[in-house]
All heavy atoms as atom14 arrays in JSON, in Angstrom:
{
  "sequence": "LIDEIAEYRDKWLAYVDDKAKTYWLPPTRKAAYTSLAFNVGWHGAG",
  "atom14_mask": [
    [1, 1, 1, 1, 1, 1, 1, 1, 0, 0, 0, 0, 0, 0],
    [1, 1, 1, 1, 1, 1, 1, 1, 0, 0, 0, 0, 0, 0],
    [1, 1, 1, 1, 1, 1, 1, 1, 0, 0, 0, 0, 0, 0],
    [1, 1, 1, 1, 1, 1, 1, 1, 1, 0, 0, 0, 0, 0],
    [1, 1, 1, 1, 1, 1, 1, 1, 0, 0, 0, 0, 0, 0],
    [1, 1, 1, 1, 1, 0, 0, 0, 0, 0, 0, 0, 0, 0],
    [1, 1, 1, 1, 1, 1, 1, 1, 1, 0, 0, 0, 0, 0],
    [1, 1, 1, 1, 1, 1, 1, 1, 1, 1, 1, 1, 0, 0],
    [1, 1, 1, 1, 1, 1, 1, 1, 1, 1, 1, 0, 0, 0],
    [1, 1, 1, 1, 1, 1, 1, 1, 0, 0, 0, 0, 0, 0],
    [1, 1, 1, 1, 1, 1, 1, 1, 1, 0, 0, 0, 0, 0],
    [1, 1, 1, 1, 1, 1, 1, 1, 1, 1, 1, 1, 1, 1],
    [1, 1, 1, 1, 1, 1, 1, 1, 0, 0, 0, 0, 0, 0],
    [1, 1, 1, 1, 1, 0, 0, 0, 0, 0, 0, 0, 0, 0],
    [1, 1, 1, 1, 1, 1, 1, 1, 1, 1, 1, 1, 0, 0],
    [1, 1, 1, 1, 1, 1, 1, 0, 0, 0, 0, 0, 0, 0],
    [1, 1, 1, 1, 1, 1, 1, 1, 0, 0, 0, 0, 0, 0],
    [1, 1, 1, 1, 1, 1, 1, 1, 0, 0, 0, 0, 0, 0],
    [1, 1, 1, 1, 1, 1, 1, 1, 1, 0, 0, 0, 0, 0],
    [1, 1, 1, 1, 1, 0, 0, 0, 0, 0, 0, 0, 0, 0],
    [1, 1, 1, 1, 1, 1, 1, 1, 1, 0, 0, 0, 0, 0],
    [1, 1, 1, 1, 1, 1, 1, 0, 0, 0, 0, 0, 0, 0],
    [1, 1, 1, 1, 1, 1, 1, 1, 1, 1, 1, 1, 0, 0],
    [1, 1, 1, 1, 1, 1, 1, 1, 1, 1, 1, 1, 1, 1],
    [1, 1, 1, 1, 1, 1, 1, 1, 0, 0, 0, 0, 0, 0],
    [1, 1, 1, 1, 1, 1, 1, 0, 0, 0, 0, 0, 0, 0],
    [1, 1, 1, 1, 1, 1, 1, 0, 0, 0, 0, 0, 0, 0],
    [1, 1, 1, 1, 1, 1, 1, 0, 0, 0, 0, 0, 0, 0],
    [1, 1, 1, 1, 1, 1, 1, 1, 1, 1, 1, 0, 0, 0],
    [1, 1, 1, 1, 1, 1, 1, 1, 1, 0, 0, 0, 0, 0],
    [1, 1, 1, 1, 1, 0, 0, 0, 0, 0, 0, 0, 0, 0],
    [1, 1, 1, 1, 1, 0, 0, 0, 0, 0, 0, 0, 0, 0],
    [1, 1, 1, 1, 1, 1, 1, 1, 1, 1, 1, 1, 0, 0],
    [1, 1, 1, 1, 1, 1, 1, 0, 0, 0, 0, 0, 0, 0],
    [1, 1, 1, 1, 1, 1, 0, 0, 0, 0, 0, 0, 0, 0],
    [1, 1, 1, 1, 1, 1, 1, 1, 0, 0, 0, 0, 0, 0],
    [1, 1, 1, 1, 1, 0, 0, 0, 0, 0, 0, 0, 0, 0],
    [1, 1, 1, 1, 1, 1, 1, 1, 1, 1, 1, 0, 0, 0],
    [1, 1, 1, 1, 1, 1, 1, 1, 0, 0, 0, 0, 0, 0],
    [1, 1, 1, 1, 1, 1, 1, 0, 0, 0, 0, 0, 0, 0],
    [1, 1, 1, 1, 0, 0, 0, 0, 0, 0, 0, 0, 0, 0],
    [1, 1, 1, 1, 1, 1, 1, 1, 1, 1, 1, 1, 1, 1],
    [1, 1, 1, 1, 1, 1, 1, 1, 1, 1, 0, 0, 0, 0],
    [1, 1, 1, 1, 0, 0, 0, 0, 0, 0, 0, 0, 0, 0],
    [1, 1, 1, 1, 1, 0, 0, 0, 0, 0, 0, 0, 0, 0],
    [1, 1, 1, 1, 0, 0, 0, 0, 0, 0, 0, 0, 0, 0]
  ],
  "atom14_positions": [
    [[-19.67, -5.6, 24.88], [-19.05, -6.17, 23.64], [-18.72, -5.09, 22.65], [-17.64, -5.16, 22.06], [-20.03, -7.27, 23.09], [-19.53, -7.9, 21.83], [-18.26, -8.61, 22.14], [-20.66, -8.92, 21.19], [0.0, 0.0, 0.0], [0.0, 0.0, 0.0], [0.0, 0.0, 0.0], [0.0, 0.0, 0.0], [0.0, 0.0, 0.0], [0.0, 0.0, 0.0]],
    [[-19.54, -4.1, 22.52], [-19.27, -3.05, 21.57], [-18.0, -2.28, 21.88], [-17.16, -2.02, 21.09], [-20.47, -2.0, 21.43], [-21.66, -2.86, 20.65], [-20.13, -0.72, 20.75], [-22.87, -1.89, 20.56], [0.0, 0.0, 0.0], [0.0, 0.0, 0.0], [0.0, 0.0, 0.0], [0.0, 0.0, 0.0], [0.0, 0.0, 0.0], [0.0, 0.0, 0.0]],
    [[-17.85, -2.11, 23.14], [-16.63, -1.41, 23.7], [-15.38, -2.38, 23.38], [-14.34, -1.72, 22.94], [-16.65, -1.22, 25.25], [-17.49, 0.0, 25.56], [-17.96, 0.79, 24.67], [-17.96, 0.16, 26.76], [0.0, 0.0, 0.0], [0.0, 0.0, 0.0], [0.0, 0.0, 0.0], [0.0, 0.0, 0.0], [0.0, 0.0, 0.0], [0.0, 0.0, 0.0]],
    [[-15.47, -3.61, 23.59], [-14.36, -4.54, 23.22], [-14.08, -4.54, 21.83], [-12.9, -4.52, 21.28], [-14.59, -5.81, 23.94], [-14.54, -5.88, 25.43], [-14.75, -7.27, 25.97], [-14.92, -8.22, 25.1], [-14.55, -7.51, 27.07], [0.0, 0.0, 0.0], [0.0, 0.0, 0.0], [0.0, 0.0, 0.0], [0.0, 0.0, 0.0], [0.0, 0.0, 0.0]],
    [[-15.19, -4.61, 20.93], [-15.09, -4.58, 19.51], [-14.22, -3.39, 19.01], [-13.43, -3.38, 18.28], [-16.43, -4.72, 18.82], [-16.96, -6.13, 19.06], [-16.27, -4.34, 17.37], [-18.4, -6.21, 18.59], [0.0, 0.0, 0.0], [0.0, 0.0, 0.0], [0.0, 0.0, 0.0], [0.0, 0.0, 0.0], [0.0, 0.0, 0.0], [0.0, 0.0, 0.0]],
    [[-14.64, -2.16, 19.6], [-13.92, -1.01, 19.25], [-12.46, -1.06, 19.58], [-11.71, -0.39, 18.83], [-14.74, 0.16, 20.04], [0.0, 0.0, 0.0], [0.0, 0.0, 0.0], [0.0, 0.0, 0.0], [0.0, 0.0, 0.0], [0.0, 0.0, 0.0], [0.0, 0.0, 0.0], [0.0, 0.0, 0.0], [0.0, 0.0, 0.0], [0.0, 0.0, 0.0]],
    [[-12.08, -1.64, 20.79], [-10.66, -1.73, 21.17], [-9.95, -2.51, 20.14], [-8.79, -2.17, 19.67], [-10.67, -2.28, 22.45], [-9.17, -2.54, 23.06], [-9.07, -3.17, 24.43], [-10.01, -3.49, 24.87], [-7.89, -3.43, 24.79], [0.0, 0.0, 0.0], [0.0, 0.0, 0.0], [0.0, 0.0, 0.0], [0.0, 0.0, 0.0], [0.0, 0.0, 0.0]],
    [[-10.48, -3.75, 19.66], [-9.9, -4.56, 18.73], [-9.89, -3.87, 17.36], [-8.73, -4.05, 16.65], [-10.51, -5.97, 18.62], [-10.16, -6.89, 19.64], [-10.8, -6.9, 20.92], [-9.13, -7.81, 19.41], [-10.4, -7.77, 21.89], [-8.8, -8.76, 20.41], [-9.42, -8.58, 21.68], [-9.01, -9.55, 22.65], [0.0, 0.0, 0.0], [0.0, 0.0, 0.0]],
    [[-10.84, -3.1, 16.9], [-10.82, -2.37, 15.7], [-9.79, -1.4, 15.65], [-8.99, -1.32, 14.74], [-12.21, -1.76, 15.52], [-12.28, -0.85, 14.29], [-13.39, 0.09, 14.45], [-13.2, 1.06, 15.66], [-14.16, 1.73, 16.19], [-15.4, 1.69, 15.76], [-13.93, 2.5, 17.24], [0.0, 0.0, 0.0], [0.0, 0.0, 0.0], [0.0, 0.0, 0.0]],
    [[-9.55, -0.64, 16.76], [-8.57, 0.48, 16.73], [-7.17, -0.07, 16.76], [-6.34, 0.48, 16.09], [-8.85, 1.37, 18.0], [-10.2, 2.09, 17.96], [-10.78, 2.26, 16.82], [-10.66, 2.55, 18.98], [0.0, 0.0, 0.0], [0.0, 0.0, 0.0], [0.0, 0.0, 0.0], [0.0, 0.0, 0.0], [0.0, 0.0, 0.0], [0.0, 0.0, 0.0]],
    [[-6.9, -1.2, 17.44], [-5.7, -1.64, 17.49], [-5.29, -2.39, 16.17], [-4.13, -2.39, 15.73], [-5.5, -2.66, 18.73], [-5.5, -1.96, 20.06], [-5.2, -2.82, 21.26], [-5.19, -1.98, 22.45], [-4.84, -2.86, 23.75], [0.0, 0.0, 0.0], [0.0, 0.0, 0.0], [0.0, 0.0, 0.0], [0.0, 0.0, 0.0], [0.0, 0.0, 0.0]],
    [[-6.3, -2.95, 15.53], [-6.0, -3.54, 14.19], [-5.84, -2.53, 13.25], [-4.88, -2.64, 12.31], [-7.2, -4.48, 13.79], [-7.07, -4.77, 12.35], [-6.22, -5.62, 11.82], [-7.88, -4.32, 11.27], [-6.47, -5.72, 10.38], [-7.45, -4.91, 10.06], [-8.89, -3.28, 11.09], [-8.07, -4.5, 8.84], [-9.48, -3.01, 9.95], [-8.99, -3.69, 8.8]],
    [[-6.56, -1.36, 13.31], [-6.38, -0.28, 12.37], [-5.08, 0.35, 12.34], [-4.53, 0.99, 11.36], [-7.48, 0.84, 12.58], [-8.84, 0.51, 12.2], [-9.84, 1.65, 12.6], [-8.8, 0.38, 10.57], [0.0, 0.0, 0.0], [0.0, 0.0, 0.0], [0.0, 0.0, 0.0], [0.0, 0.0, 0.0], [0.0, 0.0, 0.0], [0.0, 0.0, 0.0]],
    [[-4.27, 0.13, 13.43], [-2.81, 0.63, 13.5], [-1.95, -0.02, 12.41], [-0.98, 0.53, 12.16], [-2.32, 0.34, 14.89], [0.0, 0.0, 0.0], [0.0, 0.0, 0.0], [0.0, 0.0, 0.0], [0.0, 0.0, 0.0], [0.0, 0.0, 0.0], [0.0, 0.0, 0.0], [0.0, 0.0, 0.0], [0.0, 0.0, 0.0], [0.0, 0.0, 0.0]],
    [[-2.54, -1.18, 11.96], [-1.68, -1.84, 10.94], [-2.16, -1.58, 9.47], [-1.6, -2.0, 8.53], [-1.79, -3.37, 11.01], [-1.21, -3.93, 12.27], [-1.98, -3.95, 13.47], [0.05, -4.4, 12.35], [-1.46, -4.5, 14.58], [0.66, -4.94, 13.56], [-0.11, -5.01, 14.72], [0.39, -5.48, 15.77], [0.0, 0.0, 0.0], [0.0, 0.0, 0.0]],
    [[-3.24, -0.72, 9.3], [-3.86, -0.44, 8.11], [-3.26, 1.01, 7.63], [-3.27, 1.94, 8.27], [-5.3, -0.39, 8.18], [-6.0, -0.17, 6.89], [-5.77, -1.79, 8.71], [0.0, 0.0, 0.0], [0.0, 0.0, 0.0], [0.0, 0.0, 0.0], [0.0, 0.0, 0.0], [0.0, 0.0, 0.0], [0.0, 0.0, 0.0], [0.0, 0.0, 0.0]],
    [[-2.97, 1.04, 6.32], [-2.6, 2.26, 5.72], [-3.68, 3.24, 5.54], [-4.94, 3.02, 5.6], [-2.06, 2.03, 4.34], [-0.76, 1.23, 4.24], [-0.19, 1.27, 5.26], [-0.43, 0.79, 3.12], [0.0, 0.0, 0.0], [0.0, 0.0, 0.0], [0.0, 0.0, 0.0], [0.0, 0.0, 0.0], [0.0, 0.0, 0.0], [0.0, 0.0, 0.0]],
    [[-3.28, 4.59, 5.64], [-4.31, 5.65, 5.61], [-5.19, 5.55, 4.29], [-6.43, 5.9, 4.39], [-3.6, 7.04, 5.72], [-2.95, 7.21, 7.02], [-3.32, 6.69, 7.92], [-2.03, 8.1, 7.11], [0.0, 0.0, 0.0], [0.0, 0.0, 0.0], [0.0, 0.0, 0.0], [0.0, 0.0, 0.0], [0.0, 0.0, 0.0], [0.0, 0.0, 0.0]],
    [[-4.53, 5.2, 3.24], [-5.33, 5.19, 1.95], [-6.4, 4.07, 2.1], [-7.56, 4.21, 1.76], [-4.42, 4.87, 0.84], [-5.08, 4.83, -0.49], [-4.13, 4.63, -1.69], [-4.71, 4.7, -3.05], [-3.84, 4.51, -4.17], [0.0, 0.0, 0.0], [0.0, 0.0, 0.0], [0.0, 0.0, 0.0], [0.0, 0.0, 0.0], [0.0, 0.0, 0.0]],
    [[-6.02, 2.91, 2.74], [-7.0, 1.72, 2.86], [-8.09, 2.27, 3.8], [-9.24, 1.94, 3.64], [-6.29, 0.56, 3.4], [0.0, 0.0, 0.0], [0.0, 0.0, 0.0], [0.0, 0.0, 0.0], [0.0, 0.0, 0.0], [0.0, 0.0, 0.0], [0.0, 0.0, 0.0], [0.0, 0.0, 0.0], [0.0, 0.0, 0.0], [0.0, 0.0, 0.0]],
    [[-7.67, 2.93, 4.84], [-8.77, 3.31, 5.78], [-9.79, 4.27, 5.14], [-10.89, 4.34, 5.46], [-8.08, 4.21, 6.94], [-7.25, 3.27, 7.91], [-6.56, 4.15, 8.96], [-5.67, 3.34, 9.8], [-4.9, 4.19, 10.78], [0.0, 0.0, 0.0], [0.0, 0.0, 0.0], [0.0, 0.0, 0.0], [0.0, 0.0, 0.0], [0.0, 0.0, 0.0]],
    [[-9.17, 5.22, 4.16], [-10.09, 6.23, 3.62], [-11.09, 5.7, 2.54], [-12.17, 6.02, 2.37], [-9.21, 7.3, 2.98], [-8.34, 7.88, 4.0], [-10.1, 8.4, 2.43], [0.0, 0.0, 0.0], [0.0, 0.0, 0.0], [0.0, 0.0, 0.0], [0.0, 0.0, 0.0], [0.0, 0.0, 0.0], [0.0, 0.0, 0.0], [0.0, 0.0, 0.0]],
    [[-10.5, 4.75, 1.71], [-11.16, 4.3, 0.49], [-11.65, 2.96, 0.43], [-12.59, 2.62, -0.24], [-10.28, 4.62, -0.77], [-9.78, 5.99, -0.95], [-8.41, 6.36, -0.73], [-10.74, 6.93, -1.44], [-8.07, 7.68, -0.89], [-10.36, 8.29, -1.7], [-9.06, 8.65, -1.32], [-8.6, 9.99, -1.49], [0.0, 0.0, 0.0], [0.0, 0.0, 0.0]],
    [[-11.02, 1.99, 1.18], [-11.36, 0.58, 1.05], [-11.92, 0.02, 2.35], [-11.94, -1.28, 2.38], [-10.07, -0.16, 0.69], [-9.45, 0.52, -0.53], [-10.09, 0.96, -1.69], [-7.96, 0.48, -0.88], [-9.16, 1.34, -2.61], [-7.94, 1.11, -2.15], [-6.8, 0.22, -0.1], [-6.66, 1.35, -2.75], [-5.64, 0.48, -0.72], [-5.53, 1.06, -2.04]],
    [[-12.4, 0.64, 3.27], [-12.92, 0.14, 4.5], [-14.36, 0.68, 4.84], [-14.53, 1.4, 5.76], [-12.02, 0.37, 5.7], [-10.82, -0.54, 5.95], [-10.08, -0.31, 7.17], [-11.31, -2.01, 5.9], [0.0, 0.0, 0.0], [0.0, 0.0, 0.0], [0.0, 0.0, 0.0], [0.0, 0.0, 0.0], [0.0, 0.0, 0.0], [0.0, 0.0, 0.0]],
    [[-15.33, 0.19, 3.97], [-16.78, 0.53, 4.5], [-16.95, -0.21, 5.72], [-16.29, -1.11, 6.12], [-17.56, 0.03, 3.3], [-16.72, -1.11, 2.64], [-15.31, -0.6, 2.8], [0.0, 0.0, 0.0], [0.0, 0.0, 0.0], [0.0, 0.0, 0.0], [0.0, 0.0, 0.0], [0.0, 0.0, 0.0], [0.0, 0.0, 0.0], [0.0, 0.0, 0.0]],
    [[-18.14, 0.22, 6.38], [-18.4, -0.45, 7.72], [-18.41, -1.94, 7.64], [-18.11, -2.8, 8.64], [-19.72, 0.07, 8.14], [-19.8, 1.39, 7.39], [-19.1, 1.22, 6.17], [0.0, 0.0, 0.0], [0.0, 0.0, 0.0], [0.0, 0.0, 0.0], [0.0, 0.0, 0.0], [0.0, 0.0, 0.0], [0.0, 0.0, 0.0], [0.0, 0.0, 0.0]],
    [[-18.98, -2.6, 6.53], [-19.03, -4.04, 6.44], [-17.72, -4.67, 6.33], [-17.46, -5.69, 7.05], [-19.84, -4.51, 5.2], [-19.35, -3.7, 4.02], [-21.36, -4.07, 5.33], [0.0, 0.0, 0.0], [0.0, 0.0, 0.0], [0.0, 0.0, 0.0], [0.0, 0.0, 0.0], [0.0, 0.0, 0.0], [0.0, 0.0, 0.0], [0.0, 0.0, 0.0]],
    [[-16.83, -4.13, 5.6], [-15.48, -4.72, 5.47], [-14.73, -4.51, 6.73], [-13.9, -5.41, 7.17], [-14.71, -4.11, 4.27], [-13.4, -4.88, 3.97], [-12.91, -4.51, 2.56], [-13.82, -4.81, 1.54], [-14.32, -3.93, 0.67], [-13.95, -2.6, 0.68], [-15.12, -4.29, -0.28], [0.0, 0.0, 0.0], [0.0, 0.0, 0.0], [0.0, 0.0, 0.0]],
    [[-14.72, -3.33, 7.31], [-14.16, -3.1, 8.65], [-14.64, -4.07, 9.69], [-13.85, -4.56, 10.47], [-14.39, -1.59, 9.04], [-13.56, -1.17, 10.28], [-13.93, 0.2, 10.62], [-13.72, 1.11, 9.65], [-14.02, 2.54, 10.07], [0.0, 0.0, 0.0], [0.0, 0.0, 0.0], [0.0, 0.0, 0.0], [0.0, 0.0, 0.0], [0.0, 0.0, 0.0]],
    [[-15.97, -4.4, 9.67], [-16.53, -5.35, 10.65], [-15.95, -6.68, 10.45], [-15.64, -7.55, 11.44], [-17.98, -5.37, 10.56], [0.0, 0.0, 0.0], [0.0, 0.0, 0.0], [0.0, 0.0, 0.0], [0.0, 0.0, 0.0], [0.0, 0.0, 0.0], [0.0, 0.0, 0.0], [0.0, 0.0, 0.0], [0.0, 0.0, 0.0], [0.0, 0.0, 0.0]],
    [[-15.77, -7.13, 9.17], [-15.19, -8.41, 8.83], [-13.78, -8.52, 9.43], [-13.43, -9.63, 10.0], [-15.31, -8.74, 7.41], [0.0, 0.0, 0.0], [0.0, 0.0, 0.0], [0.0, 0.0, 0.0], [0.0, 0.0, 0.0], [0.0, 0.0, 0.0], [0.0, 0.0, 0.0], [0.0, 0.0, 0.0], [0.0, 0.0, 0.0], [0.0, 0.0, 0.0]],
    [[-12.94, -7.58, 9.09], [-11.56, -7.71, 9.58], [-11.56, -7.6, 11.08], [-10.71, -8.22, 11.78], [-10.8, -6.54, 8.98], [-10.16, -6.86, 7.62], [-10.83, -6.59, 6.44], [-8.95, -7.51, 7.46], [-10.42, -6.82, 5.2], [-8.5, -7.78, 6.22], [-9.08, -7.48, 5.14], [-8.58, -7.82, 3.92], [0.0, 0.0, 0.0], [0.0, 0.0, 0.0]],
    [[-12.48, -6.72, 11.75], [-12.44, -6.63, 13.15], [-12.81, -7.93, 13.82], [-12.35, -8.31, 14.89], [-13.42, -5.46, 13.54], [-12.99, -4.25, 13.0], [-13.43, -5.29, 15.05], [0.0, 0.0, 0.0], [0.0, 0.0, 0.0], [0.0, 0.0, 0.0], [0.0, 0.0, 0.0], [0.0, 0.0, 0.0], [0.0, 0.0, 0.0], [0.0, 0.0, 0.0]],
    [[-13.86, -8.69, 13.12], [-14.18, -9.94, 13.71], [-13.04, -10.92, 13.67], [-12.81, -11.69, 14.65], [-15.33, -10.47, 12.88], [-15.7, -11.72, 13.28], [0.0, 0.0, 0.0], [0.0, 0.0, 0.0], [0.0, 0.0, 0.0], [0.0, 0.0, 0.0], [0.0, 0.0, 0.0], [0.0, 0.0, 0.0], [0.0, 0.0, 0.0], [0.0, 0.0, 0.0]],
    [[-12.38, -10.92, 12.62], [-11.04, -11.74, 12.57], [-10.05, -11.35, 13.67], [-9.6, -12.28, 14.42], [-10.36, -11.62, 11.27], [-9.0, -12.27, 11.0], [-9.19, -13.72, 10.99], [-8.29, -11.83, 9.72], [0.0, 0.0, 0.0], [0.0, 0.0, 0.0], [0.0, 0.0, 0.0], [0.0, 0.0, 0.0], [0.0, 0.0, 0.0], [0.0, 0.0, 0.0]],
    [[-9.79, -9.97, 13.92], [-8.99, -9.58, 14.98], [-9.43, -9.99, 16.32], [-8.65, -10.33, 17.21], [-8.71, -8.01, 14.86], [0.0, 0.0, 0.0], [0.0, 0.0, 0.0], [0.0, 0.0, 0.0], [0.0, 0.0, 0.0], [0.0, 0.0, 0.0], [0.0, 0.0, 0.0], [0.0, 0.0, 0.0], [0.0, 0.0, 0.0], [0.0, 0.0, 0.0]],
    [[-10.78, -9.94, 16.55], [-11.37, -10.25, 17.82], [-11.2, -11.73, 18.06], [-10.96, -12.07, 19.18], [-12.86, -9.93, 17.8], [-13.59, -9.99, 18.99], [-13.61, -8.85, 19.76], [-14.04, -11.08, 19.58], [-14.31, -8.8, 21.08], [-14.74, -11.13, 20.8], [-14.72, -9.91, 21.51], [0.0, 0.0, 0.0], [0.0, 0.0, 0.0], [0.0, 0.0, 0.0]],
    [[-11.05, -12.59, 16.97], [-11.02, -13.99, 17.21], [-9.54, -14.45, 17.29], [-9.18, -15.37, 18.03], [-11.7, -14.67, 16.01], [-11.71, -16.16, 16.16], [-11.61, -16.91, 15.17], [-12.06, -16.72, 17.4], [0.0, 0.0, 0.0], [0.0, 0.0, 0.0], [0.0, 0.0, 0.0], [0.0, 0.0, 0.0], [0.0, 0.0, 0.0], [0.0, 0.0, 0.0]],
    [[-8.65, -13.83, 16.52], [-7.21, -14.3, 16.5], [-6.25, -13.45, 17.09], [-4.94, -13.68, 17.25], [-6.72, -14.61, 15.03], [-7.84, -15.53, 14.33], [-6.63, -13.33, 14.12], [0.0, 0.0, 0.0], [0.0, 0.0, 0.0], [0.0, 0.0, 0.0], [0.0, 0.0, 0.0], [0.0, 0.0, 0.0], [0.0, 0.0, 0.0], [0.0, 0.0, 0.0]],
    [[-6.69, -12.17, 17.51], [-5.82, -11.13, 18.06], [-5.47, -10.1, 17.0], [-5.4, -10.46, 15.88], [0.0, 0.0, 0.0], [0.0, 0.0, 0.0], [0.0, 0.0, 0.0], [0.0, 0.0, 0.0], [0.0, 0.0, 0.0], [0.0, 0.0, 0.0], [0.0, 0.0, 0.0], [0.0, 0.0, 0.0], [0.0, 0.0, 0.0], [0.0, 0.0, 0.0]],
    [[-5.25, -8.88, 17.47], [-5.06, -7.83, 16.49], [-3.67, -7.88, 15.87], [-3.53, -7.47, 14.77], [-5.23, -6.32, 17.07], [-4.42, -6.19, 18.41], [-3.15, -5.88, 18.45], [-4.81, -6.16, 19.73], [-2.67, -5.74, 19.72], [-3.76, -5.89, 20.55], [-6.18, -6.43, 20.38], [-3.79, -5.86, 21.92], [-6.17, -6.29, 21.7], [-5.07, -6.0, 22.55]],
    [[-2.72, -8.45, 16.62], [-1.46, -8.63, 15.98], [-1.51, -9.7, 14.85], [-0.94, -9.42, 13.74], [-0.5, -9.13, 16.97], [0.95, -9.36, 16.4], [1.85, -8.52, 16.06], [1.55, -10.64, 16.12], [2.9, -9.07, 15.5], [2.73, -10.33, 15.58], [0.0, 0.0, 0.0], [0.0, 0.0, 0.0], [0.0, 0.0, 0.0], [0.0, 0.0, 0.0]],
    [[-2.19, -10.81, 15.14], [-2.3, -11.78, 14.02], [-3.05, -11.41, 12.82], [-2.61, -11.57, 11.68], [0.0, 0.0, 0.0], [0.0, 0.0, 0.0], [0.0, 0.0, 0.0], [0.0, 0.0, 0.0], [0.0, 0.0, 0.0], [0.0, 0.0, 0.0], [0.0, 0.0, 0.0], [0.0, 0.0, 0.0], [0.0, 0.0, 0.0], [0.0, 0.0, 0.0]],
    [[-4.16, -10.56, 13.2], [-4.86, -10.03, 11.95], [-4.11, -8.87, 11.28], [-4.1, -8.87, 10.08], [-6.28, -9.53, 12.41], [0.0, 0.0, 0.0], [0.0, 0.0, 0.0], [0.0, 0.0, 0.0], [0.0, 0.0, 0.0], [0.0, 0.0, 0.0], [0.0, 0.0, 0.0], [0.0, 0.0, 0.0], [0.0, 0.0, 0.0], [0.0, 0.0, 0.0]],
    [[-3.41, -8.12, 12.02], [-2.76, -7.01, 11.45], [-1.62, -7.42, 10.59], [-1.25, -6.72, 9.65], [0.0, 0.0, 0.0], [0.0, 0.0, 0.0], [0.0, 0.0, 0.0], [0.0, 0.0, 0.0], [0.0, 0.0, 0.0], [0.0, 0.0, 0.0], [0.0, 0.0, 0.0], [0.0, 0.0, 0.0], [0.0, 0.0, 0.0], [0.0, 0.0, 0.0]]
  ]
}
């Protein structure tokens, strides 16, 4: 599951700006968005 989560996280992050990745994505927030991507697909979340 952790491997699959990492795949959805990385593909969702392709839609996220560098500034947001650097300053606005602590592990908790990144996990929340990744959970959305895992459920609805990285394209839908992205």
